[in-house]
C-alpha atoms as a PDB file:
ATOM      1  CA  UNK A   1    -191.179  51.687  22.735  1.00  0.00           C
ATOM      2  CA  UNK A   2    -189.247  54.181  20.623  1.00  0.00           C
ATOM      3  CA  UNK A   3    -190.422  54.187  17.012  1.00  0.00           C
ATOM      4  CA  UNK A   4    -188.187  54.845  14.031  1.00  0.00           C
ATOM      5  CA  UNK A   5    -188.547  58.253  12.430  1.00  0.00           C
ATOM      6  CA  UNK A   6    -187.589  60.055   9.275  1.00  0.00           C
ATOM      7  CA  UNK A   7    -187.870  63.589   7.925  1.00  0.00           C
ATOM      8  CA  UNK A   8    -191.176  65.212   7.081  1.00  0.00           C
ATOM      9  CA  UNK A   9    -189.829  66.729   3.854  1.00  0.00           C
ATOM     10  CA  UNK A  10    -186.656  67.308   1.828  1.00  0.00           C
ATOM     11  CA  UNK A  11    -183.991  69.810   2.902  1.00  0.00           C
ATOM     12  CA  UNK A  12    -181.437  71.314   0.519  1.00  0.00           C
ATOM     13  CA  UNK A  13    -177.965  72.637   1.304  1.00  0.00           C
ATOM     14  CA  UNK A  14    -175.232  74.051  -0.916  1.00  0.00           C
ATOM     15  CA  UNK A  15    -171.677  75.098  -0.232  1.00  0.00           C
ATOM     16  CA  UNK A  16    -168.023  74.303  -0.642  1.00  0.00           C
ATOM     17  CA  UNK A  17    -166.248  71.338   0.871  1.00  0.00           C
ATOM     18  CA  UNK A  18    -163.761  72.143   3.621  1.00  0.00           C
ATOM     19  CA  UNK A  19    -160.860  70.201   2.114  1.00  0.00           C
ATOM     20  CA  UNK A  20    -161.568  70.135  -1.618  1.00  0.00           C
ATOM     21  CA  UNK A  21    -163.132  73.591  -1.949  1.00  0.00           C
ATOM     22  CA  UNK A  22    -165.566  72.064  -4.456  1.00  0.00           C
ATOM     23  CA  UNK A  23    -169.154  73.313  -4.367  1.00  0.00           C
ATOM     24  CA  UNK A  24    -171.761  70.619  -3.755  1.00  0.00           C
ATOM     25  CA  UNK A  25    -175.537  70.575  -3.671  1.00  0.00           C
ATOM     26  CA  UNK A  26    -176.938  68.178  -1.116  1.00  0.00           C
ATOM     27  CA  UNK A  27    -180.530  67.167  -0.413  1.00  0.00           C
ATOM     28  CA  UNK A  28    -181.504  65.205   2.709  1.00  0.00           C
ATOM     29  CA  UNK A  29    -184.681  63.221   1.996  1.00  0.00           C
ATOM     30  CA  UNK A  30    -187.127  61.053   3.947  1.00  0.00           C
ATOM     31  CA  UNK A  31    -186.514  57.303   3.675  1.00  0.00           C
ATOM     32  CA  UNK A  32    -188.408  54.129   4.414  1.00  0.00           C
ATOM     33  CA  UNK A  33    -188.268  52.035   7.596  1.00  0.00           C
ATOM     34  CA  UNK A  34    -184.928  50.244   8.144  1.00  0.00           C
ATOM     35  CA  UNK A  35    -183.148  52.237   5.417  1.00  0.00           C
ATOM     36  CA  UNK A  36    -180.664  53.734   7.842  1.00  0.00           C
ATOM     37  CA  UNK A  37    -178.636  56.580   6.357  1.00  0.00           C
ATOM     38  CA  UNK A  38    -177.528  56.243   2.748  1.00  0.00           C
ATOM     39  CA  UNK A  39    -175.645  58.697   0.526  1.00  0.00           C
ATOM     40  CA  UNK A  40    -176.145  58.796  -3.243  1.00  0.00           C
ATOM     41  CA  UNK A  41    -173.675  60.467  -5.610  1.00  0.00           C
ATOM     42  CA  UNK A  42    -176.147  61.859  -8.144  1.00  0.00           C
ATOM     43  CA  UNK A  43    -173.331  63.120 -10.376  1.00  0.00           C
ATOM     44  CA  UNK A  44    -172.205  59.521 -10.900  1.00  0.00           C
ATOM     45  CA  UNK A  45    -175.573  57.821 -11.331  1.00  0.00           C
ATOM     46  CA  UNK A  46    -178.926  56.947  -9.817  1.00  0.00           C
ATOM     47  CA  UNK A  47    -177.479  53.763  -8.316  1.00  0.00           C
ATOM     48  CA  UNK A  48    -174.272  55.247  -6.869  1.00  0.00           C
ATOM     49  CA  UNK A  49    -175.173  54.515  -3.256  1.00  0.00           C
ATOM     50  CA  UNK A  50    -172.876  54.448  -0.233  1.00  0.00           C
ATOM     51  CA  UNK A  51    -174.301  53.196   3.047  1.00  0.00           C
ATOM     52  CA  UNK A  52    -173.181  55.030   6.178  1.00  0.00           C
ATOM     53  CA  UNK A  53    -171.532  51.968   7.716  1.00  0.00           C
ATOM     54  CA  UNK A  54    -168.082  51.470   9.203  1.00  0.00           C
ATOM     55  CA  UNK A  55    -167.103  48.832   6.652  1.00  0.00           C
ATOM     56  CA  UNK A  56    -167.321  51.532   3.956  1.00  0.00           C
ATOM     57  CA  UNK A  57    -164.782  53.867   5.604  1.00  0.00           C
ATOM     58  CA  UNK A  58    -162.007  54.526   3.099  1.00  0.00           C
ATOM     59  CA  UNK A  59    -160.122  57.455   4.657  1.00  0.00           C
ATOM     60  CA  UNK A  60    -159.894  59.326   7.952  1.00  0.00           C
ATOM     61  CA  UNK A  61    -157.401  62.021   6.911  1.00  0.00           C
ATOM     62  CA  UNK A  62    -158.758  65.136   8.691  1.00  0.00           C
ATOM     63  CA  UNK A  63    -162.333  63.961   8.059  1.00  0.00           C
ATOM     64  CA  UNK A  64    -164.283  60.738   7.492  1.00  0.00           C
ATOM     65  CA  UNK A  65    -164.773  59.378   3.973  1.00  0.00           C
ATOM     66  CA  UNK A  66    -166.937  56.410   2.961  1.00  0.00           C
ATOM     67  CA  UNK A  67    -166.805  54.637  -0.389  1.00  0.00           C
ATOM     68  CA  UNK A  68    -168.544  51.931  -2.369  1.00  0.00           C
ATOM     69  CA  UNK A  69    -167.405  51.074  -5.879  1.00  0.00           C
ATOM     70  CA  UNK A  70    -166.675  54.316  -7.731  1.00  0.00           C
ATOM     71  CA  UNK A  71    -168.703  56.425  -5.293  1.00  0.00           C
ATOM     72  CA  UNK A  72    -167.074  58.235  -2.378  1.00  0.00           C
ATOM     73  CA  UNK A  73    -168.391  60.887  -0.020  1.00  0.00           C
ATOM     74  CA  UNK A  74    -166.094  62.749   2.360  1.00  0.00           C
ATOM     75  CA  UNK A  75    -166.527  64.885   5.476  1.00  0.00           C
ATOM     76  CA  UNK A  76    -169.727  63.067   6.372  1.00  0.00           C
ATOM     77  CA  UNK A  77    -169.355  63.349  10.146  1.00  0.00           C
ATOM     78  CA  UNK A  78    -171.286  66.602  10.713  1.00  0.00           C
ATOM     79  CA  UNK A  79    -174.431  65.610   8.855  1.00  0.00           C
ATOM     80  CA  UNK A  80    -174.360  62.131  10.431  1.00  0.00           C
ATOM     81  CA  UNK A  81    -173.968  63.743  13.831  1.00  0.00           C
ATOM     82  CA  UNK A  82    -176.901  66.090  13.201  1.00  0.00           C
ATOM     83  CA  UNK A  83    -179.222  63.283  12.105  1.00  0.00           C
ATOM     84  CA  UNK A  84    -178.189  61.171  15.086  1.00  0.00           C
ATOM     85  CA  UNK A  85    -178.502  64.012  17.571  1.00  0.00           C
ATOM     86  CA  UNK A  86    -181.974  64.863  16.282  1.00  0.00           C
ATOM     87  CA  UNK A  87    -183.072  61.229  16.371  1.00  0.00           C
ATOM     88  CA  UNK A  88    -183.403  60.482  12.647  1.00  0.00           C
ATOM     89  CA  UNK A  89    -183.306  56.759  11.894  1.00  0.00           C
ATOM     90  CA  UNK A  90    -183.759  56.813   8.120  1.00  0.00           C
ATOM     91  CA  UNK A  91    -182.625  59.292   5.467  1.00  0.00           C
ATOM     92  CA  UNK A  92    -181.392  59.367   1.878  1.00  0.00           C
ATOM     93  CA  UNK A  93    -178.758  62.022   1.204  1.00  0.00           C
ATOM     94  CA  UNK A  94    -178.313  63.009  -2.442  1.00  0.00           C
ATOM     95  CA  UNK A  95    -175.085  64.871  -3.204  1.00  0.00           C
ATOM     96  CA  UNK A  96    -173.640  65.944  -6.559  1.00  0.00           C
ATOM     97  CA  UNK A  97    -169.953  66.084  -5.622  1.00  0.00           C
ATOM     98  CA  UNK A  98    -167.379  64.280  -3.537  1.00  0.00           C
ATOM     99  CA  UNK A  99    -167.465  66.326  -0.310  1.00  0.00           C
ATOM    100  CA  UNK A 100    -170.297  67.384   1.999  1.00  0.00           C
ATOM    101  CA  UNK A 101    -170.485  71.207   2.277  1.00  0.00           C
ATOM    102  CA  UNK A 102    -168.796  72.526   5.419  1.00  0.00           C
ATOM    103  CA  UNK A 103    -171.392  75.328   5.818  1.00  0.00           C
ATOM    104  CA  UNK A 104    -170.565  77.097   9.123  1.00  0.00           C
ATOM    105  CA  UNK A 105    -168.265  74.328  10.377  1.00  0.00           C
ATOM    106  CA  UNK A 106    -170.868  72.804  12.700  1.00  0.00           C
ATOM    107  CA  UNK A 107    -174.145  70.876  12.470  1.00  0.00           C
ATOM    108  CA  UNK A 108    -176.187  74.026  13.202  1.00  0.00           C
ATOM    109  CA  UNK A 109    -177.413  74.605   9.618  1.00  0.00           C
ATOM    110  CA  UNK A 110    -178.956  71.113   9.593  1.00  0.00           C
ATOM    111  CA  UNK A 111    -180.526  71.601  13.004  1.00  0.00           C
ATOM    112  CA  UNK A 112    -181.866  75.043  12.084  1.00  0.00           C
ATOM    113  CA  UNK A 113    -183.468  73.700   8.919  1.00  0.00           C
ATOM    114  CA  UNK A 114    -184.952  70.490  10.291  1.00  0.00           C
ATOM    115  CA  UNK A 115    -185.499  70.685  14.059  1.00  0.00           C
ATOM    116  CA  UNK A 116    -188.590  72.911  14.236  1.00  0.00           C
ATOM    117  CA  UNK A 117    -190.477  70.915  11.601  1.00  0.00           C
ATOM    118  CA  UNK A 118    -190.446  67.791  13.733  1.00  0.00           C
ATOM    119  CA  UNK A 119    -190.188  64.278  12.349  1.00  0.00           C
ATOM    120  CA  UNK A 120    -192.322  61.589  10.741  1.00  0.00           C
ATOM    121  CA  UNK A 121    -192.889  58.623  13.038  1.00  0.00           C
ATOM    122  CA  UNK A 122    -192.684  55.267  11.300  1.00  0.00           C
ATOM    123  CA  UNK A 123    -194.433  51.985  12.039  1.00  0.00           C
ATOM    124  CA  UNK A 124    -191.439  50.034  13.318  1.00  0.00           C
ATOM    125  CA  UNK A 125    -189.405  50.001  16.544  1.00  0.00           C
ATOM    126  CA  UNK A 126    -186.045  51.730  16.589  1.00  0.00           C
ATOM    127  CA  UNK A 127    -183.141  49.355  16.096  1.00  0.00           C
ATOM    128  CA  UNK A 128    -180.576  50.049  18.784  1.00  0.00           C
ATOM    129  CA  UNK A 129    -176.976  48.931  18.525  1.00  0.00           C
ATOM    130  CA  UNK A 130    -176.177  47.120  21.764  1.00  0.00           C
ATOM    131  CA  UNK A 131    -172.969  45.404  22.821  1.00  0.00           C
ATOM    132  CA  UNK A 132    -172.451  42.516  25.214  1.00  0.00           C
ATOM    133  CA  UNK A 133    -168.944  43.329  26.409  1.00  0.00           C
ATOM    134  CA  UNK A 134    -166.676  46.345  26.653  1.00  0.00           C
ATOM    135  CA  UNK A 135    -164.814  47.415  23.520  1.00  0.00           C
ATOM    136  CA  UNK A 136    -161.670  49.495  23.944  1.00  0.00           C
ATOM    137  CA  UNK A 137    -159.486  50.937  21.196  1.00  0.00           C
ATOM    138  CA  UNK A 138    -156.178  52.536  22.230  1.00  0.00           C
ATOM    139  CA  UNK A 139    -153.599  54.409  20.182  1.00  0.00           C
ATOM    140  CA  UNK A 140    -150.588  54.640  22.474  1.00  0.00           C
ATOM    141  CA  UNK A 141    -148.604  56.784  20.054  1.00  0.00           C
ATOM    142  CA  UNK A 142    -151.272  59.506  20.056  1.00  0.00           C
ATOM    143  CA  UNK A 143    -152.423  58.891  23.611  1.00  0.00           C
ATOM    144  CA  UNK A 144    -155.983  58.406  22.382  1.00  0.00           C
ATOM    145  CA  UNK A 145    -158.698  56.048  23.556  1.00  0.00           C
ATOM    146  CA  UNK A 146    -162.301  55.136  22.777  1.00  0.00           C
ATOM    147  CA  UNK A 147    -164.095  52.808  25.182  1.00  0.00           C
ATOM    148  CA  UNK A 148    -167.641  51.533  24.560  1.00  0.00           C
ATOM    149  CA  UNK A 149    -169.340  49.755  27.453  1.00  0.00           C
ATOM    150  CA  UNK A 150    -172.726  48.032  27.730  1.00  0.00           C
ATOM    151  CA  UNK A 151    -175.404  50.315  29.220  1.00  0.00           C
ATOM    152  CA  UNK A 152    -179.169  50.680  29.457  1.00  0.00           C
ATOM    153  CA  UNK A 153    -179.068  54.133  27.831  1.00  0.00           C
ATOM    154  CA  UNK A 154    -176.566  56.101  25.823  1.00  0.00           C
ATOM    155  CA  UNK A 155    -173.937  58.464  27.186  1.00  0.00           C
ATOM    156  CA  UNK A 156    -170.907  60.034  25.524  1.00  0.00           C
ATOM    157  CA  UNK A 157    -168.063  61.639  27.470  1.00  0.00           C
ATOM    158  CA  UNK A 158    -165.032  63.149  25.771  1.00  0.00           C
ATOM    159  CA  UNK A 159    -161.808  64.741  26.965  1.00  0.00           C
ATOM    160  CA  UNK A 160    -159.543  66.762  24.688  1.00  0.00           C
ATOM    161  CA  UNK A 161    -155.957  67.674  25.474  1.00  0.00           C
ATOM    162  CA  UNK A 162    -153.718  69.162  22.783  1.00  0.00           C
ATOM    163  CA  UNK A 163    -151.092  70.351  25.292  1.00  0.00           C
ATOM    164  CA  UNK A 164    -152.430  73.784  24.445  1.00  0.00           C
ATOM    165  CA  UNK A 165    -152.038  76.825  26.663  1.00  0.00           C
ATOM    166  CA  UNK A 166    -155.151  78.302  25.008  1.00  0.00           C
ATOM    167  CA  UNK A 167    -157.495  75.313  25.126  1.00  0.00           C
ATOM    168  CA  UNK A 168    -156.186  73.653  28.270  1.00  0.00           C
ATOM    169  CA  UNK A 169    -157.952  70.364  29.018  1.00  0.00           C
ATOM    170  CA  UNK A 170    -161.634  70.390  28.031  1.00  0.00           C
ATOM    171  CA  UNK A 171    -164.540  68.015  28.570  1.00  0.00           C
ATOM    172  CA  UNK A 172    -167.975  67.561  27.003  1.00  0.00           C
ATOM    173  CA  UNK A 173    -170.915  65.203  27.535  1.00  0.00           C
ATOM    174  CA  UNK A 174    -173.997  64.009  25.663  1.00  0.00           C
ATOM    175  CA  UNK A 175    -176.710  61.915  27.290  1.00  0.00           C
ATOM    176  CA  UNK A 176    -180.535  62.023  27.415  1.00  0.00           C
ATOM    177  CA  UNK A 177    -180.417  65.112  29.665  1.00  0.00           C
ATOM    178  CA  UNK A 178    -178.503  67.161  27.054  1.00  0.00           C
ATOM    179  CA  UNK A 179    -180.419  68.670  24.112  1.00  0.00           C
ATOM    180  CA  UNK A 180    -178.152  68.073  21.132  1.00  0.00           C
ATOM    181  CA  UNK A 181    -179.666  70.891  19.068  1.00  0.00           C
ATOM    182  CA  UNK A 182    -178.907  73.460  21.763  1.00  0.00           C
ATOM    183  CA  UNK A 183    -175.720  72.194  23.369  1.00  0.00           C
ATOM    184  CA  UNK A 184    -173.688  70.294  20.748  1.00  0.00           C
ATOM    185  CA  UNK A 185    -174.913  70.771  17.180  1.00  0.00           C
ATOM    186  CA  UNK A 186    -173.924  74.439  17.010  1.00  0.00           C
ATOM    187  CA  UNK A 187    -170.260  73.859  17.919  1.00  0.00           C
ATOM    188  CA  UNK A 188    -167.795  74.578  15.104  1.00  0.00           C
ATOM    189  CA  UNK A 189    -164.626  72.937  13.915  1.00  0.00           C
ATOM    190  CA  UNK A 190    -161.287  74.422  14.921  1.00  0.00           C
ATOM    191  CA  UNK A 191    -157.726  74.646  13.693  1.00  0.00           C
ATOM    192  CA  UNK A 192    -154.422  75.852  15.121  1.00  0.00           C
ATOM    193  CA  UNK A 193    -152.904  78.902  13.431  1.00  0.00           C
ATOM    194  CA  UNK A 194    -149.586  77.147  12.824  1.00  0.00           C
ATOM    195  CA  UNK A 195    -151.355  74.339  10.913  1.00  0.00           C
ATOM    196  CA  UNK A 196    -153.079  76.517   8.341  1.00  0.00           C
ATOM    197  CA  UNK A 197    -150.280  77.158   5.858  1.00  0.00           C
ATOM    198  CA  UNK A 198    -149.267  73.489   5.997  1.00  0.00           C
ATOM    199  CA  UNK A 199    -152.853  72.425   5.270  1.00  0.00           C
ATOM    200  CA  UNK A 200    -153.127  74.822   2.348  1.00  0.00           C
ATOM    201  CA  UNK A 201    -149.799  73.651   0.937  1.00  0.00           C
ATOM    202  CA  UNK A 202    -150.968  70.017   1.106  1.00  0.00           C
ATOM    203  CA  UNK A 203    -154.267  70.606  -0.708  1.00  0.00           C
ATOM    204  CA  UNK A 204    -156.365  70.491   2.458  1.00  0.00           C
ATOM    205  CA  UNK A 205    -158.867  73.067   3.809  1.00  0.00           C
ATOM    206  CA  UNK A 206    -159.258  74.544   0.330  1.00  0.00           C
ATOM    207  CA  UNK A 207    -162.779  75.463   1.392  1.00  0.00           C
ATOM    208  CA  UNK A 208    -161.796  76.824   4.781  1.00  0.00           C
ATOM    209  CA  UNK A 209    -162.473  80.428   5.642  1.00  0.00           C
ATOM    210  CA  UNK A 210    -162.909  82.612   8.696  1.00  0.00           C
ATOM    211  CA  UNK A 211    -166.639  81.922   8.841  1.00  0.00           C
ATOM    212  CA  UNK A 212    -166.415  78.165   9.372  1.00  0.00           C
ATOM    213  CA  UNK A 213    -163.531  77.528  11.758  1.00  0.00           C
ATOM    214  CA  UNK A 214    -162.277  78.649  15.144  1.00  0.00           C
ATOM    215  CA  UNK A 215    -158.595  79.573  14.835  1.00  0.00           C
ATOM    216  CA  UNK A 216    -156.402  79.007  17.896  1.00  0.00           C
ATOM    217  CA  UNK A 217    -153.164  80.972  18.138  1.00  0.00           C
ATOM    218  CA  UNK A 218    -150.990  78.768  20.311  1.00  0.00           C
ATOM    219  CA  UNK A 219    -147.627  80.460  19.728  1.00  0.00           C
ATOM    220  CA  UNK A 220    -146.526  84.051  19.383  1.00  0.00           C
ATOM    221  CA  UNK A 221    -147.140  85.275  15.859  1.00  0.00           C
ATOM    222  CA  UNK A 222    -146.096  88.416  14.040  1.00  0.00           C
ATOM    223  CA  UNK A 223    -148.347  91.014  12.490  1.00  0.00           C
ATOM    224  CA  UNK A 224    -147.029  89.875   9.095  1.00  0.00           C
ATOM    225  CA  UNK A 225    -148.161  86.304   9.740  1.00  0.00           C
ATOM    226  CA  UNK A 226    -151.672  87.436  10.670  1.00  0.00           C
ATOM    227  CA  UNK A 227    -151.814  89.677   7.608  1.00  0.00           C
ATOM    228  CA  UNK A 228    -150.743  86.750   5.418  1.00  0.00           C
ATOM    229  CA  UNK A 229    -153.580  84.659   6.858  1.00  0.00           C
ATOM    230  CA  UNK A 230    -156.021  87.494   6.204  1.00  0.00           C
ATOM    231  CA  UNK A 231    -154.759  87.558   2.633  1.00  0.00           C
ATOM    232  CA  UNK A 232    -155.192  83.784   2.263  1.00  0.00           C
ATOM    233  CA  UNK A 233    -158.833  84.134   3.286  1.00  0.00           C
ATOM    234  CA  UNK A 234    -159.256  87.434   1.426  1.00  0.00           C
ATOM    235  CA  UNK A 235    -160.693  89.240   4.460  1.00  0.00           C
ATOM    236  CA  UNK A 236    -159.846  92.490   6.290  1.00  0.00           C
ATOM    237  CA  UNK A 237    -157.010  92.368   8.812  1.00  0.00           C
ATOM    238  CA  UNK A 238    -157.618  90.002  11.713  1.00  0.00           C
ATOM    239  CA  UNK A 239    -156.275  90.258  15.242  1.00  0.00           C
ATOM    240  CA  UNK A 240    -155.221  87.846  17.975  1.00  0.00           C
ATOM    241  CA  UNK A 241    -157.427  88.257  21.036  1.00  0.00           C
ATOM    242  CA  UNK A 242    -156.063  88.184  24.572  1.00  0.00           C
ATOM    243  CA  UNK A 243    -157.551  84.716  25.132  1.00  0.00           C
ATOM    244  CA  UNK A 244    -155.496  83.275  22.252  1.00  0.00           C
ATOM    245  CA  UNK A 245    -158.244  82.973  19.630  1.00  0.00           C
ATOM    246  CA  UNK A 246    -158.233  84.782  16.317  1.00  0.00           C
ATOM    247  CA  UNK A 247    -160.770  87.592  16.110  1.00  0.00           C
ATOM    248  CA  UNK A 248    -162.798  85.998  13.291  1.00  0.00           C
ATOM    249  CA  UNK A 249    -165.381  84.352  15.590  1.00  0.00           C
ATOM    250  CA  UNK A 250    -166.884  84.600  19.055  1.00  0.00           C
ATOM    251  CA  UNK A 251    -167.027  81.310  20.957  1.00  0.00           C
ATOM    252  CA  UNK A 252    -170.504  79.868  21.465  1.00  0.00           C
ATOM    253  CA  UNK A 253    -169.335  77.991  24.582  1.00  0.00           C
ATOM    254  CA  UNK A 254    -166.101  78.202  26.619  1.00  0.00           C
ATOM    255  CA  UNK A 255    -165.494  74.532  25.730  1.00  0.00           C
ATOM    256  CA  UNK A 256    -166.780  74.772  22.153  1.00  0.00           C
ATOM    257  CA  UNK A 257    -163.761  72.856  20.845  1.00  0.00           C
ATOM    258  CA  UNK A 258    -164.441  69.860  23.112  1.00  0.00           C
ATOM    259  CA  UNK A 259    -168.111  69.981  22.141  1.00  0.00           C
ATOM    260  CA  UNK A 260    -167.148  69.929  18.485  1.00  0.00           C
ATOM    261  CA  UNK A 261    -164.962  66.862  19.024  1.00  0.00           C
ATOM    262  CA  UNK A 262    -168.000  65.299  20.702  1.00  0.00           C
ATOM    263  CA  UNK A 263    -170.079  66.250  17.651  1.00  0.00           C
ATOM    264  CA  UNK A 264    -167.549  64.447  15.449  1.00  0.00           C
ATOM    265  CA  UNK A 265    -167.542  61.398  17.724  1.00  0.00           C
ATOM    266  CA  UNK A 266    -171.340  61.131  17.546  1.00  0.00           C
ATOM    267  CA  UNK A 267    -171.208  61.328  13.754  1.00  0.00           C
ATOM    268  CA  UNK A 268    -168.419  58.795  13.376  1.00  0.00           C
ATOM    269  CA  UNK A 269    -170.053  56.298  15.734  1.00  0.00           C
ATOM    270  CA  UNK A 270    -173.289  56.476  13.738  1.00  0.00           C
ATOM    271  CA  UNK A 271    -171.316  54.275  11.348  1.00  0.00           C
ATOM    272  CA  UNK A 272    -172.052  51.462  13.811  1.00  0.00           C
ATOM    273  CA  UNK A 273    -175.322  51.271  11.873  1.00  0.00           C
ATOM    274  CA  UNK A 274    -177.766  52.902  14.243  1.00  0.00           C
ATOM    275  CA  UNK A 275    -178.206  54.415  17.678  1.00  0.00           C
ATOM    276  CA  UNK A 276    -175.662  53.112  20.178  1.00  0.00           C
ATOM    277  CA  UNK A 277    -177.141  52.090  23.506  1.00  0.00           C
ATOM    278  CA  UNK A 278    -173.837  52.199  25.359  1.00  0.00           C
ATOM    279  CA  UNK A 279    -171.543  54.264  27.533  1.00  0.00           C
ATOM    280  CA  UNK A 280    -168.881  55.874  25.334  1.00  0.00           C
ATOM    281  CA  UNK A 281    -165.713  57.368  26.810  1.00  0.00           C
ATOM    282  CA  UNK A 282    -163.149  59.069  24.571  1.00  0.00           C
ATOM    283  CA  UNK A 283    -159.833  60.810  25.138  1.00  0.00           C
ATOM    284  CA  UNK A 284    -157.868  62.673  22.463  1.00  0.00           C
ATOM    285  CA  UNK A 285    -160.121  61.011  19.927  1.00  0.00           C
ATOM    286  CA  UNK A 286    -160.145  61.635  16.181  1.00  0.00           C
ATOM    287  CA  UNK A 287    -161.731  60.172  13.072  1.00  0.00           C
ATOM    288  CA  UNK A 288    -159.272  57.292  12.833  1.00  0.00           C
ATOM    289  CA  UNK A 289    -159.840  55.848  16.291  1.00  0.00           C
ATOM    290  CA  UNK A 290    -163.565  56.709  16.212  1.00  0.00           C
ATOM    291  CA  UNK A 291    -164.167  54.734  13.040  1.00  0.00           C
ATOM    292  CA  UNK A 292    -161.939  51.895  14.230  1.00  0.00           C
ATOM    293  CA  UNK A 293    -164.208  51.623  17.264  1.00  0.00           C
ATOM    294  CA  UNK A 294    -167.250  51.610  14.976  1.00  0.00           C
ATOM    295  CA  UNK A 295    -165.681  48.777  12.959  1.00  0.00           C
ATOM    296  CA  UNK A 296    -165.125  46.820  16.162  1.00  0.00           C
ATOM    297  CA  UNK A 297    -168.786  47.268  17.082  1.00  0.00           C
ATOM    298  CA  UNK A 298    -169.752  46.071  13.589  1.00  0.00           C
ATOM    299  CA  UNK A 299    -167.577  42.999  14.115  1.00  0.00           C
ATOM    300  CA  UNK A 300    -165.274  43.642  11.169  1.00  0.00           C
ATOM    301  CA  UNK A 301    -161.976  44.002  13.009  1.00  0.00           C
END
């Protein structure tokens, strides 16, 4: 029997939000049996709680936001993914601003801080989320799909295809044979070069920089365009590598982008309310379809 577990101590993180650019202080704390994962907006009040459940999803525009009353917390998917991947059932997350810090663009900072300390076993069995029949969500316009099938143990398989000459078609998998901390948690978010100016002009990725995102250069760009990007991020001149990635980062895995989409999927599906015991298959998935699937599991669609 798998017991519930929580953290052994509190862990603090500070940084700017990817989309708002606002600096937030966040503390992940141990929590009692059957708490699940709950956020608290400490800047609003001691009772400004938002449970990490699909029915609280209020936006999926480039990240996942949950809300309850006046309290909202955005870009929650990486920390939820980290806690799920490390097997944390119960945690209270205090945060003093609207957006979770992006840190290095992956779940690695959470894993690095928490993993080696181990976890506190609790005197109650883990509550698995099980389904009795297959759930399938399809977005024909985007060509995306999330299928969740009954299974005796969990498995997640994802395929990404952006019609990209650089990325090609990529795949990634998480199941009991894959150590999340080593194979998935360290994979960073990514963005296409041609999207960046649009995102800046629409008040998104205000906290983005060359340390927290893989930049994919899909089309031919001029030296002036690269210099303008360097200026936006206030860094020395960047270059486009032969493999089509900007020179700001070195890939941690050849399929790091697919692994990051898997990281997001794990985080979004934690909004089902616990650990899914199911076979999950996803294609061209994003926060919208992920959280729609979580709502279907919760029985609120």
